[in-house]
């Protein structure tokens, strides 16, 4: 069993806790401690006869069939998961007009999420995102019952996004995950404030945002949407657009898993 599968199975055991929990914030000095209880988815026809079908045409046909099979594997609970997977108004990495979207539900304290962002995302950036072919939408799915600093990290990223610096804070949080993931929440927030200073963000505005709790409802909305789409572990991805539909990828998938889906969708 892979590490990402283990994370999904473990997170399944936490789902009931995620659904029932609530948010609470306690102010401590200038930087608050965020005290949080566990909270909270055609056919292919050709006019060519069998003797005229080239290897390239056959490969494309088989790829499209495989894509359709993957799309049909999206969760089918009642009500069925919609073809449209909402990006909400969450931060975007890449060109907003890119034809294909990767919608990620992620937890900043999740080690498998960090693995994706340090190993797979750089390759996606190089081949697709920086080329304007794909954009990544980051939606929060902090599982507080096992990652108590995940919610403060999500808030820090949202506050950096206010100053147009989501990408930098996002990268900082994953790259330095081992530096903050075991700290007490108050110490974590102090460290995030220091990260903001190092990034030359306007510190007073960042700290005020961080201590206000203003993004808790936004993060809760991401959690609710993720559960509706069948997300039960992190990271979870939906790749596609409203026209071609979405393919779900679970866990810290390697680059080739994304490439197989994206290339067919771009060609559709």
C-alpha atoms as a PDB file:
ATOM      1  CA  UNK A   1       0.000   0.000   0.000  1.00  0.00           C
ATOM      2  CA  UNK A   2       1.392   3.420  -0.999  1.00  0.00           C
ATOM      3  CA  UNK A   3       1.921   6.240   1.467  1.00  0.00           C
ATOM      4  CA  UNK A   4      -0.765   8.347  -0.230  1.00  0.00           C
ATOM      5  CA  UNK A   5      -3.255   5.470   0.017  1.00  0.00           C
ATOM      6  CA  UNK A   6      -2.405   5.118   3.675  1.00  0.00           C
ATOM      7  CA  UNK A   7      -3.090   8.818   4.175  1.00  0.00           C
ATOM      8  CA  UNK A   8      -6.476   8.513   2.426  1.00  0.00           C
ATOM      9  CA  UNK A   9      -7.449   5.503   4.561  1.00  0.00           C
ATOM     10  CA  UNK A  10      -6.343   7.239   7.727  1.00  0.00           C
ATOM     11  CA  UNK A  11      -8.232  10.394   6.806  1.00  0.00           C
ATOM     12  CA  UNK A  12     -11.393   8.327   6.143  1.00  0.00           C
ATOM     13  CA  UNK A  13     -11.356   7.460   9.816  1.00  0.00           C
ATOM     14  CA  UNK A  14     -11.287  11.152  10.618  1.00  0.00           C
ATOM     15  CA  UNK A  15     -14.202  12.170   8.362  1.00  0.00           C
ATOM     16  CA  UNK A  16     -16.913  11.927  11.007  1.00  0.00           C
ATOM     17  CA  UNK A  17     -14.827  14.139  13.263  1.00  0.00           C
ATOM     18  CA  UNK A  18     -14.243  16.633  10.440  1.00  0.00           C
ATOM     19  CA  UNK A  19     -18.007  16.926   9.853  1.00  0.00           C
ATOM     20  CA  UNK A  20     -19.017  17.623  13.436  1.00  0.00           C
ATOM     21  CA  UNK A  21     -16.419  20.080  14.633  1.00  0.00           C
ATOM     22  CA  UNK A  22     -16.534  23.826  15.155  1.00  0.00           C
ATOM     23  CA  UNK A  23     -14.104  26.744  14.984  1.00  0.00           C
ATOM     24  CA  UNK A  24     -12.882  28.685  17.982  1.00  0.00           C
ATOM     25  CA  UNK A  25     -10.222  31.395  18.227  1.00  0.00           C
ATOM     26  CA  UNK A  26      -8.593  32.587  21.442  1.00  0.00           C
ATOM     27  CA  UNK A  27      -6.653  35.881  21.482  1.00  0.00           C
ATOM     28  CA  UNK A  28      -3.179  35.654  23.065  1.00  0.00           C
ATOM     29  CA  UNK A  29      -1.200  38.936  23.175  1.00  0.00           C
ATOM     30  CA  UNK A  30      -0.685  40.582  19.802  1.00  0.00           C
ATOM     31  CA  UNK A  31      -0.811  37.225  18.002  1.00  0.00           C
ATOM     32  CA  UNK A  32      -3.700  34.909  18.810  1.00  0.00           C
ATOM     33  CA  UNK A  33      -3.732  31.218  19.377  1.00  0.00           C
ATOM     34  CA  UNK A  34      -6.110  29.578  16.977  1.00  0.00           C
ATOM     35  CA  UNK A  35      -7.695  26.872  19.077  1.00  0.00           C
ATOM     36  CA  UNK A  36      -9.685  24.611  16.865  1.00  0.00           C
ATOM     37  CA  UNK A  37     -11.606  21.436  17.637  1.00  0.00           C
ATOM     38  CA  UNK A  38     -11.681  18.817  14.887  1.00  0.00           C
ATOM     39  CA  UNK A  39     -13.954  20.143  12.209  1.00  0.00           C
ATOM     40  CA  UNK A  40     -15.698  19.958  10.174  1.00  0.00           C
ATOM     41  CA  UNK A  41     -16.899  13.570 -11.775  1.00  0.00           C
ATOM     42  CA  UNK A  42     -18.806   9.802 -25.833  1.00  0.00           C
ATOM     43  CA  UNK A  43     -18.284   7.990 -27.794  1.00  0.00           C
ATOM     44  CA  UNK A  44     -15.511   7.937 -30.365  1.00  0.00           C
ATOM     45  CA  UNK A  45     -16.418   7.429 -34.002  1.00  0.00           C
ATOM     46  CA  UNK A  46     -14.329   7.448 -37.130  1.00  0.00           C
ATOM     47  CA  UNK A  47     -15.002   7.340 -40.865  1.00  0.00           C
ATOM     48  CA  UNK A  48     -11.750   5.447 -41.426  1.00  0.00           C
ATOM     49  CA  UNK A  49     -11.844   1.718 -42.034  1.00  0.00           C
ATOM     50  CA  UNK A  50      -9.631  -0.629 -40.047  1.00  0.00           C
ATOM     51  CA  UNK A  51      -6.893  -0.626 -42.668  1.00  0.00           C
ATOM     52  CA  UNK A  52      -6.649   3.169 -42.552  1.00  0.00           C
ATOM     53  CA  UNK A  53      -6.386   3.603 -38.779  1.00  0.00           C
ATOM     54  CA  UNK A  54      -2.902   4.812 -37.957  1.00  0.00           C
ATOM     55  CA  UNK A  55      -1.141   4.050 -34.723  1.00  0.00           C
ATOM     56  CA  UNK A  56      -1.462   7.720 -33.734  1.00  0.00           C
ATOM     57  CA  UNK A  57      -5.246   7.736 -34.274  1.00  0.00           C
ATOM     58  CA  UNK A  58      -5.594   4.496 -32.338  1.00  0.00           C
ATOM     59  CA  UNK A  59      -3.533   5.852 -29.453  1.00  0.00           C
ATOM     60  CA  UNK A  60      -5.704   8.975 -29.278  1.00  0.00           C
ATOM     61  CA  UNK A  61      -8.888   6.914 -29.333  1.00  0.00           C
ATOM     62  CA  UNK A  62      -7.650   4.675 -26.540  1.00  0.00           C
ATOM     63  CA  UNK A  63      -6.529   7.691 -24.512  1.00  0.00           C
ATOM     64  CA  UNK A  64      -9.974   9.291 -24.822  1.00  0.00           C
ATOM     65  CA  UNK A  65     -11.623   6.051 -23.774  1.00  0.00           C
ATOM     66  CA  UNK A  66      -9.362   5.824 -20.744  1.00  0.00           C
ATOM     67  CA  UNK A  67     -10.203   9.426 -19.852  1.00  0.00           C
ATOM     68  CA  UNK A  68     -13.928   8.636 -20.023  1.00  0.00           C
ATOM     69  CA  UNK A  69     -13.392   5.659 -17.700  1.00  0.00           C
ATOM     70  CA  UNK A  70     -11.524   7.870 -15.227  1.00  0.00           C
ATOM     71  CA  UNK A  71     -14.301  10.476 -15.340  1.00  0.00           C
ATOM     72  CA  UNK A  72     -16.867   7.784 -14.577  1.00  0.00           C
ATOM     73  CA  UNK A  73     -14.943   6.884 -11.429  1.00  0.00           C
ATOM     74  CA  UNK A  74     -15.876  10.149  -9.703  1.00  0.00           C
ATOM     75  CA  UNK A  75     -17.934   9.676  -6.539  1.00  0.00           C
ATOM     76  CA  UNK A  76     -21.558   8.723  -7.167  1.00  0.00           C
ATOM     77  CA  UNK A  77     -23.210   9.396  -3.821  1.00  0.00           C
ATOM     78  CA  UNK A  78     -26.647  11.061  -3.635  1.00  0.00           C
ATOM     79  CA  UNK A  79     -26.838  13.718  -4.864  1.00  0.00           C
ATOM     80  CA  UNK A  80     -24.299  12.799  -7.539  1.00  0.00           C
ATOM     81  CA  UNK A  81     -21.120  14.836  -7.690  1.00  0.00           C
ATOM     82  CA  UNK A  82     -21.663  17.535 -10.314  1.00  0.00           C
ATOM     83  CA  UNK A  83     -19.639  17.664 -13.517  1.00  0.00           C
ATOM     84  CA  UNK A  84     -18.688  21.182 -12.506  1.00  0.00           C
ATOM     85  CA  UNK A  85     -16.194  21.321  -9.643  1.00  0.00           C
ATOM     86  CA  UNK A  86     -16.215  24.815  -8.206  1.00  0.00           C
ATOM     87  CA  UNK A  87     -13.008  26.809  -7.979  1.00  0.00           C
ATOM     88  CA  UNK A  88     -14.858  29.224  -5.683  1.00  0.00           C
ATOM     89  CA  UNK A  89     -12.830  32.437  -5.360  1.00  0.00           C
ATOM     90  CA  UNK A  90      -9.686  30.721  -4.148  1.00  0.00           C
ATOM     91  CA  UNK A  91      -6.068  31.603  -4.977  1.00  0.00           C
ATOM     92  CA  UNK A  92      -4.805  30.676  -8.429  1.00  0.00           C
ATOM     93  CA  UNK A  93      -1.290  29.732  -9.500  1.00  0.00           C
ATOM     94  CA  UNK A  94      -0.889  30.330 -13.230  1.00  0.00           C
ATOM     95  CA  UNK A  95      -2.820  32.093 -15.974  1.00  0.00           C
ATOM     96  CA  UNK A  96      -6.462  32.567 -14.978  1.00  0.00           C
ATOM     97  CA  UNK A  97      -7.448  31.930 -18.628  1.00  0.00           C
ATOM     98  CA  UNK A  98      -5.625  28.583 -18.900  1.00  0.00           C
ATOM     99  CA  UNK A  99      -7.909  26.004 -20.565  1.00  0.00           C
ATOM    100  CA  UNK A 100      -7.359  23.228 -18.008  1.00  0.00           C
ATOM    101  CA  UNK A 101      -7.721  23.627 -14.259  1.00  0.00           C
ATOM    102  CA  UNK A 102      -6.310  21.567 -11.423  1.00  0.00           C
ATOM    103  CA  UNK A 103      -8.488  22.131  -8.368  1.00  0.00           C
ATOM    104  CA  UNK A 104      -6.566  20.967  -5.331  1.00  0.00           C
ATOM    105  CA  UNK A 105      -7.974  20.360  -1.858  1.00  0.00           C
ATOM    106  CA  UNK A 106      -4.976  20.513   0.432  1.00  0.00           C
ATOM    107  CA  UNK A 107      -3.732  20.724   4.013  1.00  0.00           C
ATOM    108  CA  UNK A 108      -0.548  22.738   4.637  1.00  0.00           C
ATOM    109  CA  UNK A 109       0.490  20.415   7.474  1.00  0.00           C
ATOM    110  CA  UNK A 110      -0.058  17.214   5.479  1.00  0.00           C
ATOM    111  CA  UNK A 111       3.304  15.603   4.593  1.00  0.00           C
ATOM    112  CA  UNK A 112       1.901  14.121   1.380  1.00  0.00           C
ATOM    113  CA  UNK A 113       0.680  17.565   0.306  1.00  0.00           C
ATOM    114  CA  UNK A 114       4.197  18.872   0.904  1.00  0.00           C
ATOM    115  CA  UNK A 115       5.579  16.023  -1.205  1.00  0.00           C
ATOM    116  CA  UNK A 116       3.303  16.994  -4.099  1.00  0.00           C
ATOM    117  CA  UNK A 117       4.317  20.633  -3.872  1.00  0.00           C
ATOM    118  CA  UNK A 118       8.054  19.958  -3.692  1.00  0.00           C
ATOM    119  CA  UNK A 119       8.272  17.040  -6.157  1.00  0.00           C
ATOM    120  CA  UNK A 120       5.351  17.094  -8.619  1.00  0.00           C
ATOM    121  CA  UNK A 121       4.271  20.739  -8.809  1.00  0.00           C
ATOM    122  CA  UNK A 122       7.638  21.984 -10.161  1.00  0.00           C
ATOM    123  CA  UNK A 123       7.231  19.647 -13.161  1.00  0.00           C
ATOM    124  CA  UNK A 124       3.639  20.782 -13.701  1.00  0.00           C
ATOM    125  CA  UNK A 125       4.825  24.385 -13.554  1.00  0.00           C
ATOM    126  CA  UNK A 126       7.529  23.781 -16.124  1.00  0.00           C
ATOM    127  CA  UNK A 127       5.474  21.829 -18.672  1.00  0.00           C
ATOM    128  CA  UNK A 128       1.972  23.238 -18.280  1.00  0.00           C
ATOM    129  CA  UNK A 129       1.352  26.077 -15.812  1.00  0.00           C
ATOM    130  CA  UNK A 130       4.163  28.391 -16.889  1.00  0.00           C
ATOM    131  CA  UNK A 131       3.164  27.703 -20.507  1.00  0.00           C
ATOM    132  CA  UNK A 132      -0.377  28.996 -19.874  1.00  0.00           C
ATOM    133  CA  UNK A 133      -1.966  25.591 -20.494  1.00  0.00           C
ATOM    134  CA  UNK A 134      -3.004  24.776 -16.932  1.00  0.00           C
ATOM    135  CA  UNK A 135      -3.783  26.720 -13.770  1.00  0.00           C
ATOM    136  CA  UNK A 136      -3.883  25.399 -10.216  1.00  0.00           C
ATOM    137  CA  UNK A 137      -6.610  26.488  -7.813  1.00  0.00           C
ATOM    138  CA  UNK A 138      -5.713  25.944  -4.165  1.00  0.00           C
ATOM    139  CA  UNK A 139      -8.642  25.108  -1.893  1.00  0.00           C
ATOM    140  CA  UNK A 140      -8.178  24.535   1.822  1.00  0.00           C
ATOM    141  CA  UNK A 141      -8.948  21.201   3.449  1.00  0.00           C
ATOM    142  CA  UNK A 142      -7.249  21.405   6.876  1.00  0.00           C
ATOM    143  CA  UNK A 143      -7.861  18.261   8.937  1.00  0.00           C
ATOM    144  CA  UNK A 144      -7.471  19.757  12.394  1.00  0.00           C
ATOM    145  CA  UNK A 145      -7.924  16.519  14.317  1.00  0.00           C
ATOM    146  CA  UNK A 146      -4.523  15.304  13.119  1.00  0.00           C
ATOM    147  CA  UNK A 147      -2.965  18.576  11.898  1.00  0.00           C
ATOM    148  CA  UNK A 148      -3.644  21.244  14.563  1.00  0.00           C
ATOM    149  CA  UNK A 149      -1.572  23.904  12.797  1.00  0.00           C
ATOM    150  CA  UNK A 150      -3.190  23.412   9.396  1.00  0.00           C
ATOM    151  CA  UNK A 151      -5.918  26.010   9.919  1.00  0.00           C
ATOM    152  CA  UNK A 152      -3.534  28.781  11.063  1.00  0.00           C
ATOM    153  CA  UNK A 153      -1.389  28.001   8.004  1.00  0.00           C
ATOM    154  CA  UNK A 154      -4.428  28.289   5.722  1.00  0.00           C
ATOM    155  CA  UNK A 155      -5.274  31.652   7.278  1.00  0.00           C
ATOM    156  CA  UNK A 156      -1.679  32.851   6.805  1.00  0.00           C
ATOM    157  CA  UNK A 157      -1.803  31.945   3.120  1.00  0.00           C
ATOM    158  CA  UNK A 158      -5.129  33.740   2.669  1.00  0.00           C
ATOM    159  CA  UNK A 159      -3.727  36.829   4.398  1.00  0.00           C
ATOM    160  CA  UNK A 160      -0.681  36.804   2.119  1.00  0.00           C
ATOM    161  CA  UNK A 161      -3.060  36.502  -0.824  1.00  0.00           C
ATOM    162  CA  UNK A 162      -4.623  39.820   0.242  1.00  0.00           C
ATOM    163  CA  UNK A 163      -1.295  41.423  -0.614  1.00  0.00           C
ATOM    164  CA  UNK A 164      -0.898  39.476  -3.864  1.00  0.00           C
ATOM    165  CA  UNK A 165       1.683  37.092  -2.394  1.00  0.00           C
ATOM    166  CA  UNK A 166      -0.163  33.802  -2.013  1.00  0.00           C
ATOM    167  CA  UNK A 167       2.339  31.868  -4.122  1.00  0.00           C
ATOM    168  CA  UNK A 168       5.291  32.945  -2.000  1.00  0.00           C
ATOM    169  CA  UNK A 169       3.584  32.117   1.297  1.00  0.00           C
ATOM    170  CA  UNK A 170       2.244  28.854  -0.108  1.00  0.00           C
ATOM    171  CA  UNK A 171       5.778  27.791  -1.096  1.00  0.00           C
ATOM    172  CA  UNK A 172       7.246  28.953   2.207  1.00  0.00           C
ATOM    173  CA  UNK A 173       4.719  26.987   4.275  1.00  0.00           C
ATOM    174  CA  UNK A 174       5.360  23.733   2.433  1.00  0.00           C
ATOM    175  CA  UNK A 175       9.129  24.120   2.192  1.00  0.00           C
ATOM    176  CA  UNK A 176       9.417  24.927   5.904  1.00  0.00           C
ATOM    177  CA  UNK A 177       6.703  22.543   7.095  1.00  0.00           C
ATOM    178  CA  UNK A 178       9.084  20.736   9.450  1.00  0.00           C
ATOM    179  CA  UNK A 179       9.921  24.067  11.083  1.00  0.00           C
ATOM    180  CA  UNK A 180       6.378  24.878  12.228  1.00  0.00           C
ATOM    181  CA  UNK A 181       4.265  21.733  12.173  1.00  0.00           C
ATOM    182  CA  UNK A 182       5.003  20.688  15.753  1.00  0.00           C
ATOM    183  CA  UNK A 183       4.864  24.137  17.385  1.00  0.00           C
ATOM    184  CA  UNK A 184       2.142  25.397  19.690  1.00  0.00           C
ATOM    185  CA  UNK A 185      -0.451  27.428  17.712  1.00  0.00           C
ATOM    186  CA  UNK A 186       0.601  30.749  19.281  1.00  0.00           C
ATOM    187  CA  UNK A 187       4.242  30.093  18.346  1.00  0.00           C
ATOM    188  CA  UNK A 188       3.154  29.021  14.883  1.00  0.00           C
ATOM    189  CA  UNK A 189       1.347  32.300  14.279  1.00  0.00           C
ATOM    190  CA  UNK A 190       4.336  34.269  15.498  1.00  0.00           C
ATOM    191  CA  UNK A 191       6.507  32.370  13.047  1.00  0.00           C
ATOM    192  CA  UNK A 192       4.051  32.990  10.204  1.00  0.00           C
ATOM    193  CA  UNK A 193       4.202  36.684  11.053  1.00  0.00           C
ATOM    194  CA  UNK A 194       7.983  36.469  10.746  1.00  0.00           C
ATOM    195  CA  UNK A 195       7.629  34.738   7.363  1.00  0.00           C
ATOM    196  CA  UNK A 196       5.490  37.678   6.246  1.00  0.00           C
ATOM    197  CA  UNK A 197       8.159  40.122   7.374  1.00  0.00           C
ATOM    198  CA  UNK A 198      10.831  38.150   5.520  1.00  0.00           C
ATOM    199  CA  UNK A 199       8.662  38.386   2.396  1.00  0.00           C
ATOM    200  CA  UNK A 200       8.399  42.149   2.968  1.00  0.00           C
ATOM    201  CA  UNK A 201       4.629  42.054   3.334  1.00  0.00           C
ATOM    202  CA  UNK A 202       2.979  44.976   5.123  1.00  0.00           C
ATOM    203  CA  UNK A 203       3.322  43.492   8.608  1.00  0.00           C
ATOM    204  CA  UNK A 204       0.547  45.349  10.433  1.00  0.00           C
ATOM    205  CA  UNK A 205      -1.990  44.473   7.748  1.00  0.00           C
ATOM    206  CA  UNK A 206      -0.856  40.831   7.719  1.00  0.00           C
ATOM    207  CA  UNK A 207      -0.935  40.475  11.509  1.00  0.00           C
ATOM    208  CA  UNK A 208      -4.348  42.107  11.704  1.00  0.00           C
ATOM    209  CA  UNK A 209      -5.658  39.693   9.091  1.00  0.00           C
ATOM    210  CA  UNK A 210      -4.035  36.745  10.839  1.00  0.00           C
ATOM    211  CA  UNK A 211      -5.566  37.559  14.229  1.00  0.00           C
ATOM    212  CA  UNK A 212      -9.022  38.524  13.008  1.00  0.00           C
ATOM    213  CA  UNK A 213     -10.241  35.095  11.978  1.00  0.00           C
ATOM    214  CA  UNK A 214     -11.786  36.701   8.883  1.00  0.00           C
ATOM    215  CA  UNK A 215     -11.060  33.720   6.625  1.00  0.00           C
ATOM    216  CA  UNK A 216     -12.460  30.966   8.827  1.00  0.00           C
ATOM    217  CA  UNK A 217     -15.806  30.914   7.022  1.00  0.00           C
ATOM    218  CA  UNK A 218     -14.030  30.852   3.652  1.00  0.00           C
ATOM    219  CA  UNK A 219     -11.959  27.865   4.764  1.00  0.00           C
ATOM    220  CA  UNK A 220     -15.043  26.171   6.165  1.00  0.00           C
ATOM    221  CA  UNK A 221     -16.719  26.622   2.757  1.00  0.00           C
ATOM    222  CA  UNK A 222     -13.764  24.883   1.088  1.00  0.00           C
ATOM    223  CA  UNK A 223     -14.115  22.000   3.545  1.00  0.00           C
ATOM    224  CA  UNK A 224     -17.834  21.683   2.853  1.00  0.00           C
ATOM    225  CA  UNK A 225     -17.315  21.724  -0.914  1.00  0.00           C
ATOM    226  CA  UNK A 226     -14.534  19.164  -0.652  1.00  0.00           C
ATOM    227  CA  UNK A 227     -16.732  16.794   1.344  1.00  0.00           C
ATOM    228  CA  UNK A 228     -19.547  17.286  -1.182  1.00  0.00           C
ATOM    229  CA  UNK A 229     -17.191  16.229  -3.983  1.00  0.00           C
ATOM    230  CA  UNK A 230     -16.138  13.132  -2.053  1.00  0.00           C
ATOM    231  CA  UNK A 231     -12.756  14.334  -0.788  1.00  0.00           C
ATOM    232  CA  UNK A 232     -11.792  12.150   2.161  1.00  0.00           C
ATOM    233  CA  UNK A 233      -8.027  12.666   2.325  1.00  0.00           C
ATOM    234  CA  UNK A 234      -5.355  15.120   1.286  1.00  0.00           C
ATOM    235  CA  UNK A 235      -4.186  16.014  -1.199  1.00  0.00           C
ATOM    236  CA  UNK A 236      -7.161  15.566  -3.508  1.00  0.00           C
ATOM    237  CA  UNK A 237      -7.324  16.845  -7.090  1.00  0.00           C
ATOM    238  CA  UNK A 238      -9.911  17.420  -9.803  1.00  0.00           C
ATOM    239  CA  UNK A 239      -8.426  18.004 -13.258  1.00  0.00           C
ATOM    240  CA  UNK A 240     -10.339  19.384 -16.237  1.00  0.00           C
ATOM    241  CA  UNK A 241     -12.901  22.061 -17.031  1.00  0.00           C
ATOM    242  CA  UNK A 242     -16.669  22.381 -17.336  1.00  0.00           C
ATOM    243  CA  UNK A 243     -16.622  21.328 -20.997  1.00  0.00           C
ATOM    244  CA  UNK A 244     -14.516  18.140 -20.851  1.00  0.00           C
ATOM    245  CA  UNK A 245     -15.470  17.280 -17.275  1.00  0.00           C
ATOM    246  CA  UNK A 246     -13.158  16.514 -14.372  1.00  0.00           C
ATOM    247  CA  UNK A 247     -10.983  13.555 -13.458  1.00  0.00           C
ATOM    248  CA  UNK A 248     -10.302  12.920  -9.786  1.00  0.00           C
ATOM    249  CA  UNK A 249      -6.792  12.067  -8.632  1.00  0.00           C
ATOM    250  CA  UNK A 250      -6.291  11.027  -5.019  1.00  0.00           C
ATOM    251  CA  UNK A 251      -3.120  11.473  -3.015  1.00  0.00           C
ATOM    252  CA  UNK A 252       0.371  12.725  -3.858  1.00  0.00           C
ATOM    253  CA  UNK A 253       0.284  11.441  -7.427  1.00  0.00           C
ATOM    254  CA  UNK A 254       3.440  11.527  -9.564  1.00  0.00           C
ATOM    255  CA  UNK A 255       3.773  13.907 -12.492  1.00  0.00           C
ATOM    256  CA  UNK A 256       2.980  11.183 -15.054  1.00  0.00           C
ATOM    257  CA  UNK A 257      -0.500  10.671 -13.553  1.00  0.00           C
ATOM    258  CA  UNK A 258      -1.336  14.322 -14.192  1.00  0.00           C
ATOM    259  CA  UNK A 259       0.336  14.333 -17.611  1.00  0.00           C
ATOM    260  CA  UNK A 260      -1.746  11.395 -18.832  1.00  0.00           C
ATOM    261  CA  UNK A 261      -4.982  13.226 -17.986  1.00  0.00           C
ATOM    262  CA  UNK A 262      -3.952  16.737 -19.024  1.00  0.00           C
ATOM    263  CA  UNK A 263      -2.577  15.752 -22.453  1.00  0.00           C
ATOM    264  CA  UNK A 264      -5.826  14.058 -23.429  1.00  0.00           C
ATOM    265  CA  UNK A 265      -7.938  16.941 -22.118  1.00  0.00           C
ATOM    266  CA  UNK A 266      -5.875  19.497 -24.031  1.00  0.00           C
ATOM    267  CA  UNK A 267      -6.392  17.431 -27.178  1.00  0.00           C
ATOM    268  CA  UNK A 268     -10.140  17.071 -26.653  1.00  0.00           C
END
